[in-house]
Amino acid sequence: MTSHCEDCLKLERLCGACSEAAELRAHAMWQAYCRSGHKPIYVPDRPDLVYAEVWQGWRDWVAWNQAGSNLPRAA
């Protein structure tokens, strides 16, 4: 039987790994979208550099841009 703290540590490691994987998937989705020819010219290819002061990560960027774009929905 594991202690509550051990279970919490396992869950924290799992969530961290899932979060990193989701970030990588979002970045890959954005790169594919940029290559697709559907991205408007006024939207930067590298928003992480253009908006560095307020950058929240690729998942945040992709989720925000999915609202009104041709980006595929994340599974």
PDB file of N, CA and C in Angstrom:
ATOM      1  N   MET A   1       0.848  -1.179   0.000  1.00  0.00           N
ATOM      2  CA  MET A   1       0.000   0.000   0.000  1.00  0.00           C
ATOM      3  C   MET A   1       0.892   1.240   0.000  1.00  0.00           C
ATOM      4  N   THR A   2       0.594   2.180  -0.863  1.00  0.00           N
ATOM      5  CA  THR A   2       1.394   3.405  -0.926  1.00  0.00           C
ATOM      6  C   THR A   2       0.755   4.493  -0.085  1.00  0.00           C
ATOM      7  N   SER A   3       1.581   5.406   0.368  1.00  0.00           N
ATOM      8  CA  SER A   3       1.064   6.515   1.164  1.00  0.00           C
ATOM      9  C   SER A   3       0.433   7.558   0.248  1.00  0.00           C
ATOM     10  N   HIS A   4      -0.339   8.410   0.832  1.00  0.00           N
ATOM     11  CA  HIS A   4      -0.983   9.495   0.088  1.00  0.00           C
ATOM     12  C   HIS A   4       0.065  10.371  -0.602  1.00  0.00           C
ATOM     13  N   CYS A   5       1.163  10.654   0.077  1.00  0.00           N
ATOM     14  CA  CYS A   5       2.231  11.493  -0.500  1.00  0.00           C
ATOM     15  C   CYS A   5       2.886  10.820  -1.701  1.00  0.00           C
ATOM     16  N   GLU A   6       3.105   9.506  -1.607  1.00  0.00           N
ATOM     17  CA  GLU A   6       3.690   8.787  -2.737  1.00  0.00           C
ATOM     18  C   GLU A   6       2.751   8.822  -3.942  1.00  0.00           C
ATOM     19  N   ASP A   7       1.456   8.669  -3.701  1.00  0.00           N
ATOM     20  CA  ASP A   7       0.472   8.743  -4.776  1.00  0.00           C
ATOM     21  C   ASP A   7       0.469  10.133  -5.409  1.00  0.00           C
ATOM     22  N   CYS A   8       0.571  11.155  -4.580  1.00  0.00           N
ATOM     23  CA  CYS A   8       0.602  12.535  -5.091  1.00  0.00           C
ATOM     24  C   CYS A   8       1.837  12.767  -5.957  1.00  0.00           C
ATOM     25  N   LEU A   9       2.973  12.259  -5.537  1.00  0.00           N
ATOM     26  CA  LEU A   9       4.203  12.420  -6.311  1.00  0.00           C
ATOM     27  C   LEU A   9       4.100  11.703  -7.653  1.00  0.00           C
ATOM     28  N   LYS A  10       3.520  10.507  -7.661  1.00  0.00           N
ATOM     29  CA  LYS A  10       3.333   9.773  -8.914  1.00  0.00           C
ATOM     30  C   LYS A  10       2.413  10.551  -9.857  1.00  0.00           C
ATOM     31  N   LEU A  11       1.333  11.082  -9.319  1.00  0.00           N
ATOM     32  CA  LEU A  11       0.386  11.852 -10.123  1.00  0.00           C
ATOM     33  C   LEU A  11       1.038  13.120 -10.660  1.00  0.00           C
ATOM     34  N   GLU A  12       1.836  13.776  -9.839  1.00  0.00           N
ATOM     35  CA  GLU A  12       2.535  14.992 -10.272  1.00  0.00           C
ATOM     36  C   GLU A  12       3.486  14.688 -11.421  1.00  0.00           C
ATOM     37  N   ARG A  13       4.230  13.587 -11.340  1.00  0.00           N
ATOM     38  CA  ARG A  13       5.140  13.208 -12.426  1.00  0.00           C
ATOM     39  C   ARG A  13       4.362  12.878 -13.698  1.00  0.00           C
ATOM     40  N   LEU A  14       3.258  12.163 -13.560  1.00  0.00           N
ATOM     41  CA  LEU A  14       2.428  11.809 -14.710  1.00  0.00           C
ATOM     42  C   LEU A  14       1.843  13.062 -15.361  1.00  0.00           C
ATOM     43  N   CYS A  15       1.323  13.975 -14.567  1.00  0.00           N
ATOM     44  CA  CYS A  15       0.748  15.216 -15.106  1.00  0.00           C
ATOM     45  C   CYS A  15       1.822  16.059 -15.787  1.00  0.00           C
ATOM     46  N   GLY A  16       3.004  16.089 -15.227  1.00  0.00           N
ATOM     47  CA  GLY A  16       4.100  16.828 -15.841  1.00  0.00           C
ATOM     48  C   GLY A  16       4.472  16.245 -17.195  1.00  0.00           C
ATOM     49  N   ALA A  17       4.522  14.933 -17.280  1.00  0.00           N
ATOM     50  CA  ALA A  17       4.845  14.274 -18.553  1.00  0.00           C
ATOM     51  C   ALA A  17       3.742  14.526 -19.575  1.00  0.00           C
ATOM     52  N   CYS A  18       2.489  14.470 -19.152  1.00  0.00           N
ATOM     53  CA  CYS A  18       1.364  14.728 -20.056  1.00  0.00           C
ATOM     54  C   CYS A  18       1.381  16.177 -20.528  1.00  0.00           C
ATOM     55  N   SER A  19       1.699  17.071 -19.632  1.00  0.00           N
ATOM     56  CA  SER A  19       1.752  18.486 -19.978  1.00  0.00           C
ATOM     57  C   SER A  19       2.841  18.761 -21.005  1.00  0.00           C
ATOM     58  N   GLU A  20       4.008  18.162 -20.817  1.00  0.00           N
ATOM     59  CA  GLU A  20       5.105  18.334 -21.775  1.00  0.00           C
ATOM     60  C   GLU A  20       4.731  17.755 -23.132  1.00  0.00           C
ATOM     61  N   ALA A  21       4.091  16.594 -23.130  1.00  0.00           N
ATOM     62  CA  ALA A  21       3.677  15.962 -24.383  1.00  0.00           C
ATOM     63  C   ALA A  21       2.641  16.825 -25.102  1.00  0.00           C
ATOM     64  N   ALA A  22       1.713  17.391 -24.349  1.00  0.00           N
ATOM     65  CA  ALA A  22       0.690  18.255 -24.944  1.00  0.00           C
ATOM     66  C   ALA A  22       1.320  19.516 -25.524  1.00  0.00           C
ATOM     67  N   GLU A  23       2.312  20.051 -24.847  1.00  0.00           N
ATOM     68  CA  GLU A  23       3.014  21.235 -25.346  1.00  0.00           C
ATOM     69  C   GLU A  23       3.720  20.922 -26.667  1.00  0.00           C
ATOM     70  N   LEU A  24       4.362  19.764 -26.747  1.00  0.00           N
ATOM     71  CA  LEU A  24       5.041  19.355 -27.977  1.00  0.00           C
ATOM     72  C   LEU A  24       4.050  19.136 -29.113  1.00  0.00           C
ATOM     73  N   ARG A  25       2.898  18.523 -28.804  1.00  0.00           N
ATOM     74  CA  ARG A  25       1.866  18.317 -29.834  1.00  0.00           C
ATOM     75  C   ARG A  25       1.342  19.653 -30.345  1.00  0.00           C
ATOM     76  N   ALA A  26       1.109  20.595 -29.448  1.00  0.00           N
ATOM     77  CA  ALA A  26       0.602  21.908 -29.853  1.00  0.00           C
ATOM     78  C   ALA A  26       1.616  22.623 -30.741  1.00  0.00           C
ATOM     79  N   HIS A  27       2.895  22.536 -30.402  1.00  0.00           N
ATOM     80  CA  HIS A  27       3.940  23.165 -31.218  1.00  0.00           C
ATOM     81  C   HIS A  27       3.984  22.523 -32.604  1.00  0.00           C
ATOM     82  N   ALA A  28       3.894  21.203 -32.651  1.00  0.00           N
ATOM     83  CA  ALA A  28       3.897  20.494 -33.938  1.00  0.00           C
ATOM     84  C   ALA A  28       2.678  20.877 -34.775  1.00  0.00           C
ATOM     85  N   MET A  29       1.516  21.026 -34.134  1.00  0.00           N
ATOM     86  CA  MET A  29       0.309  21.452 -34.844  1.00  0.00           C
ATOM     87  C   MET A  29       0.503  22.837 -35.450  1.00  0.00           C
ATOM     88  N   TRP A  30       1.112  23.740 -34.670  1.00  0.00           N
ATOM     89  CA  TRP A  30       1.332  25.092 -35.163  1.00  0.00           C
ATOM     90  C   TRP A  30       2.296  25.093 -36.354  1.00  0.00           C
ATOM     91  N   GLN A  31       3.356  24.332 -36.253  1.00  0.00           N
ATOM     92  CA  GLN A  31       4.318  24.263 -37.361  1.00  0.00           C
ATOM     93  C   GLN A  31       3.648  23.731 -38.629  1.00  0.00           C
ATOM     94  N   ALA A  32       2.819  22.712 -38.489  1.00  0.00           N
ATOM     95  CA  ALA A  32       2.111  22.157 -39.643  1.00  0.00           C
ATOM     96  C   ALA A  32       1.151  23.188 -40.225  1.00  0.00           C
ATOM     97  N   TYR A  33       0.471  23.921 -39.376  1.00  0.00           N
ATOM     98  CA  TYR A  33      -0.451  24.966 -39.824  1.00  0.00           C
ATOM     99  C   TYR A  33       0.303  26.054 -40.593  1.00  0.00           C
ATOM    100  N   CYS A  34       1.454  26.443 -40.106  1.00  0.00           N
ATOM    101  CA  CYS A  34       2.257  27.478 -40.783  1.00  0.00           C
ATOM    102  C   CYS A  34       2.684  27.001 -42.174  1.00  0.00           C
ATOM    103  N   ARG A  35       2.986  25.727 -42.315  1.00  0.00           N
ATOM    104  CA  ARG A  35       3.398  25.180 -43.612  1.00  0.00           C
ATOM    105  C   ARG A  35       2.215  24.940 -44.550  1.00  0.00           C
ATOM    106  N   SER A  36       0.998  24.903 -44.017  1.00  0.00           N
ATOM    107  CA  SER A  36      -0.179  24.533 -44.807  1.00  0.00           C
ATOM    108  C   SER A  36      -0.606  25.594 -45.821  1.00  0.00           C
ATOM    109  N   GLY A  37      -0.189  26.838 -45.599  1.00  0.00           N
ATOM    110  CA  GLY A  37      -0.624  27.915 -46.481  1.00  0.00           C
ATOM    111  C   GLY A  37      -1.932  28.562 -46.049  1.00  0.00           C
ATOM    112  N   HIS A  38      -2.532  28.103 -44.960  1.00  0.00           N
ATOM    113  CA  HIS A  38      -3.796  28.667 -44.473  1.00  0.00           C
ATOM    114  C   HIS A  38      -3.595  29.801 -43.467  1.00  0.00           C
ATOM    115  N   LYS A  39      -2.394  29.940 -42.936  1.00  0.00           N
ATOM    116  CA  LYS A  39      -2.134  30.961 -41.914  1.00  0.00           C
ATOM    117  C   LYS A  39      -2.128  32.342 -42.565  1.00  0.00           C
ATOM    118  N   PRO A  40      -2.923  33.273 -42.037  1.00  0.00           N
ATOM    119  CA  PRO A  40      -2.897  34.633 -42.580  1.00  0.00           C
ATOM    120  C   PRO A  40      -1.507  35.255 -42.460  1.00  0.00           C
ATOM    121  N   ILE A  41      -1.164  36.106 -43.388  1.00  0.00           N
ATOM    122  CA  ILE A  41       0.167  36.728 -43.439  1.00  0.00           C
ATOM    123  C   ILE A  41       0.462  37.564 -42.189  1.00  0.00           C
ATOM    124  N   TYR A  42      -0.571  38.141 -41.589  1.00  0.00           N
ATOM    125  CA  TYR A  42      -0.375  39.020 -40.432  1.00  0.00           C
ATOM    126  C   TYR A  42      -0.176  38.255 -39.113  1.00  0.00           C
ATOM    127  N   VAL A  43      -0.318  36.944 -39.134  1.00  0.00           N
ATOM    128  CA  VAL A  43      -0.096  36.127 -37.939  1.00  0.00           C
ATOM    129  C   VAL A  43       1.334  35.611 -37.994  1.00  0.00           C
ATOM    130  N   PRO A  44       2.129  35.855 -36.945  1.00  0.00           N
ATOM    131  CA  PRO A  44       3.543  35.455 -36.988  1.00  0.00           C
ATOM    132  C   PRO A  44       3.748  33.942 -36.956  1.00  0.00           C
ATOM    133  N   ASP A  45       4.784  33.507 -37.669  1.00  0.00           N
ATOM    134  CA  ASP A  45       5.178  32.095 -37.617  1.00  0.00           C
ATOM    135  C   ASP A  45       5.744  31.742 -36.246  1.00  0.00           C
ATOM    136  N   ARG A  46       6.415  32.689 -35.628  1.00  0.00           N
ATOM    137  CA  ARG A  46       7.064  32.472 -34.329  1.00  0.00           C
ATOM    138  C   ARG A  46       6.458  33.386 -33.270  1.00  0.00           C
ATOM    139  N   PRO A  47       5.215  33.119 -32.884  1.00  0.00           N
ATOM    140  CA  PRO A  47       4.579  33.968 -31.877  1.00  0.00           C
ATOM    141  C   PRO A  47       5.309  33.929 -30.540  1.00  0.00           C
ATOM    142  N   ASP A  48       6.046  32.859 -30.297  1.00  0.00           N
ATOM    143  CA  ASP A  48       6.806  32.756 -29.048  1.00  0.00           C
ATOM    144  C   ASP A  48       7.869  33.839 -28.950  1.00  0.00           C
ATOM    145  N   LEU A  49       8.371  34.296 -30.092  1.00  0.00           N
ATOM    146  CA  LEU A  49       9.368  35.374 -30.101  1.00  0.00           C
ATOM    147  C   LEU A  49       8.693  36.738 -30.173  1.00  0.00           C
ATOM    148  N   VAL A  50       7.680  36.847 -31.002  1.00  0.00           N
ATOM    149  CA  VAL A  50       6.986  38.133 -31.187  1.00  0.00           C
ATOM    150  C   VAL A  50       6.302  38.569 -29.892  1.00  0.00           C
ATOM    151  N   TYR A  51       5.688  37.631 -29.200  1.00  0.00           N
ATOM    152  CA  TYR A  51       4.939  37.937 -27.977  1.00  0.00           C
ATOM    153  C   TYR A  51       5.651  37.409 -26.732  1.00  0.00           C
ATOM    154  N   ALA A  52       6.965  37.433 -26.749  1.00  0.00           N
ATOM    155  CA  ALA A  52       7.767  36.825 -25.675  1.00  0.00           C
ATOM    156  C   ALA A  52       7.399  37.334 -24.278  1.00  0.00           C
ATOM    157  N   GLU A  53       7.061  38.611 -24.172  1.00  0.00           N
ATOM    158  CA  GLU A  53       6.772  39.179 -22.844  1.00  0.00           C
ATOM    159  C   GLU A  53       5.503  38.618 -22.216  1.00  0.00           C
ATOM    160  N   VAL A  54       4.584  38.139 -23.032  1.00  0.00           N
ATOM    161  CA  VAL A  54       3.317  37.624 -22.507  1.00  0.00           C
ATOM    162  C   VAL A  54       3.091  36.161 -22.880  1.00  0.00           C
ATOM    163  N   TRP A  55       4.105  35.508 -23.420  1.00  0.00           N
ATOM    164  CA  TRP A  55       3.989  34.140 -23.923  1.00  0.00           C
ATOM    165  C   TRP A  55       3.588  33.175 -22.819  1.00  0.00           C
ATOM    166  N   GLN A  56       2.555  32.360 -23.091  1.00  0.00           N
ATOM    167  CA  GLN A  56       2.059  31.381 -22.120  1.00  0.00           C
ATOM    168  C   GLN A  56       2.296  29.943 -22.561  1.00  0.00           C
ATOM    169  N   GLY A  57       2.869  29.747 -23.737  1.00  0.00           N
ATOM    170  CA  GLY A  57       3.142  28.393 -24.215  1.00  0.00           C
ATOM    171  C   GLY A  57       2.351  28.064 -25.463  1.00  0.00           C
ATOM    172  N   TRP A  58       2.777  27.000 -26.128  1.00  0.00           N
ATOM    173  CA  TRP A  58       2.157  26.588 -27.388  1.00  0.00           C
ATOM    174  C   TRP A  58       0.731  26.130 -27.214  1.00  0.00           C
ATOM    175  N   ARG A  59       0.440  25.421 -26.125  1.00  0.00           N
ATOM    176  CA  ARG A  59      -0.946  24.965 -25.914  1.00  0.00           C
ATOM    177  C   ARG A  59      -1.875  26.157 -25.806  1.00  0.00           C
ATOM    178  N   ASP A  60      -1.471  27.173 -25.087  1.00  0.00           N
ATOM    179  CA  ASP A  60      -2.284  28.377 -24.950  1.00  0.00           C
ATOM    180  C   ASP A  60      -2.461  29.055 -26.306  1.00  0.00           C
ATOM    181  N   TRP A  61      -1.391  29.171 -27.075  1.00  0.00           N
ATOM    182  CA  TRP A  61      -1.446  29.820 -28.389  1.00  0.00           C
ATOM    183  C   TRP A  61      -2.357  29.063 -29.353  1.00  0.00           C
ATOM    184  N   VAL A  62      -2.179  27.755 -29.429  1.00  0.00           N
ATOM    185  CA  VAL A  62      -2.976  26.949 -30.353  1.00  0.00           C
ATOM    186  C   VAL A  62      -4.449  26.971 -29.939  1.00  0.00           C
ATOM    187  N   ALA A  63      -4.735  26.852 -28.658  1.00  0.00           N
ATOM    188  CA  ALA A  63      -6.124  26.876 -28.192  1.00  0.00           C
ATOM    189  C   ALA A  63      -6.769  28.220 -28.507  1.00  0.00           C
ATOM    190  N   TRP A  64      -6.044  29.312 -28.309  1.00  0.00           N
ATOM    191  CA  TRP A  64      -6.574  30.646 -28.587  1.00  0.00           C
ATOM    192  C   TRP A  64      -6.837  30.811 -30.077  1.00  0.00           C
ATOM    193  N   ASN A  65      -5.944  30.318 -30.909  1.00  0.00           N
ATOM    194  CA  ASN A  65      -6.080  30.480 -32.350  1.00  0.00           C
ATOM    195  C   ASN A  65      -7.094  29.517 -32.968  1.00  0.00           C
ATOM    196  N   GLN A  66      -7.418  28.424 -32.309  1.00  0.00           N
ATOM    197  CA  GLN A  66      -8.389  27.486 -32.859  1.00  0.00           C
ATOM    198  C   GLN A  66      -9.783  28.092 -32.914  1.00  0.00           C
ATOM    199  N   ALA A  67     -10.045  29.067 -32.088  1.00  0.00           N
ATOM    200  CA  ALA A  67     -11.386  29.651 -32.012  1.00  0.00           C
ATOM    201  C   ALA A  67     -11.848  30.207 -33.358  1.00  0.00           C
ATOM    202  N   GLY A  68     -10.938  30.788 -34.150  1.00  0.00           N
ATOM    203  CA  GLY A  68     -11.380  31.382 -35.399  1.00  0.00           C
ATOM    204  C   GLY A  68     -10.453  31.094 -36.561  1.00  0.00           C
ATOM    205  N   SER A  69      -9.936  29.877 -36.615  1.00  0.00           N
ATOM    206  CA  SER A  69      -8.962  29.577 -37.670  1.00  0.00           C
ATOM    207  C   SER A  69      -9.212  28.203 -38.271  1.00  0.00           C
ATOM    208  N   ASN A  70      -8.324  27.832 -39.159  1.00  0.00           N
ATOM    209  CA  ASN A  70      -8.372  26.519 -39.794  1.00  0.00           C
ATOM    210  C   ASN A  70      -7.525  25.488 -39.060  1.00  0.00           C
ATOM    211  N   LEU A  71      -7.050  25.818 -37.878  1.00  0.00           N
ATOM    212  CA  LEU A  71      -6.249  24.849 -37.119  1.00  0.00           C
ATOM    213  C   LEU A  71      -7.099  23.652 -36.750  1.00  0.00           C
ATOM    214  N   PRO A  72      -6.550  22.460 -36.872  1.00  0.00           N
ATOM    215  CA  PRO A  72      -7.326  21.278 -36.462  1.00  0.00           C
ATOM    216  C   PRO A  72      -7.505  21.270 -34.966  1.00  0.00           C
ATOM    217  N   ARG A  73      -8.612  20.755 -34.514  1.00  0.00           N
ATOM    218  CA  ARG A  73      -8.870  20.638 -33.076  1.00  0.00           C
ATOM    219  C   ARG A  73      -7.984  19.555 -32.487  1.00  0.00           C
ATOM    220  N   ALA A  74      -7.414  19.864 -31.309  1.00  0.00           N
ATOM    221  CA  ALA A  74      -6.583  18.871 -30.611  1.00  0.00           C
ATOM    222  C   ALA A  74      -7.481  17.772 -30.048  1.00  0.00           C
ATOM    223  N   ALA A  75      -6.970  16.561 -30.079  1.00  0.00           N
ATOM    224  CA  ALA A  75      -7.752  15.427 -29.561  1.00  0.00           C
ATOM    225  C   ALA A  75      -7.675  15.382 -28.056  1.00  0.00           C
TER     226      ALA A  75
END
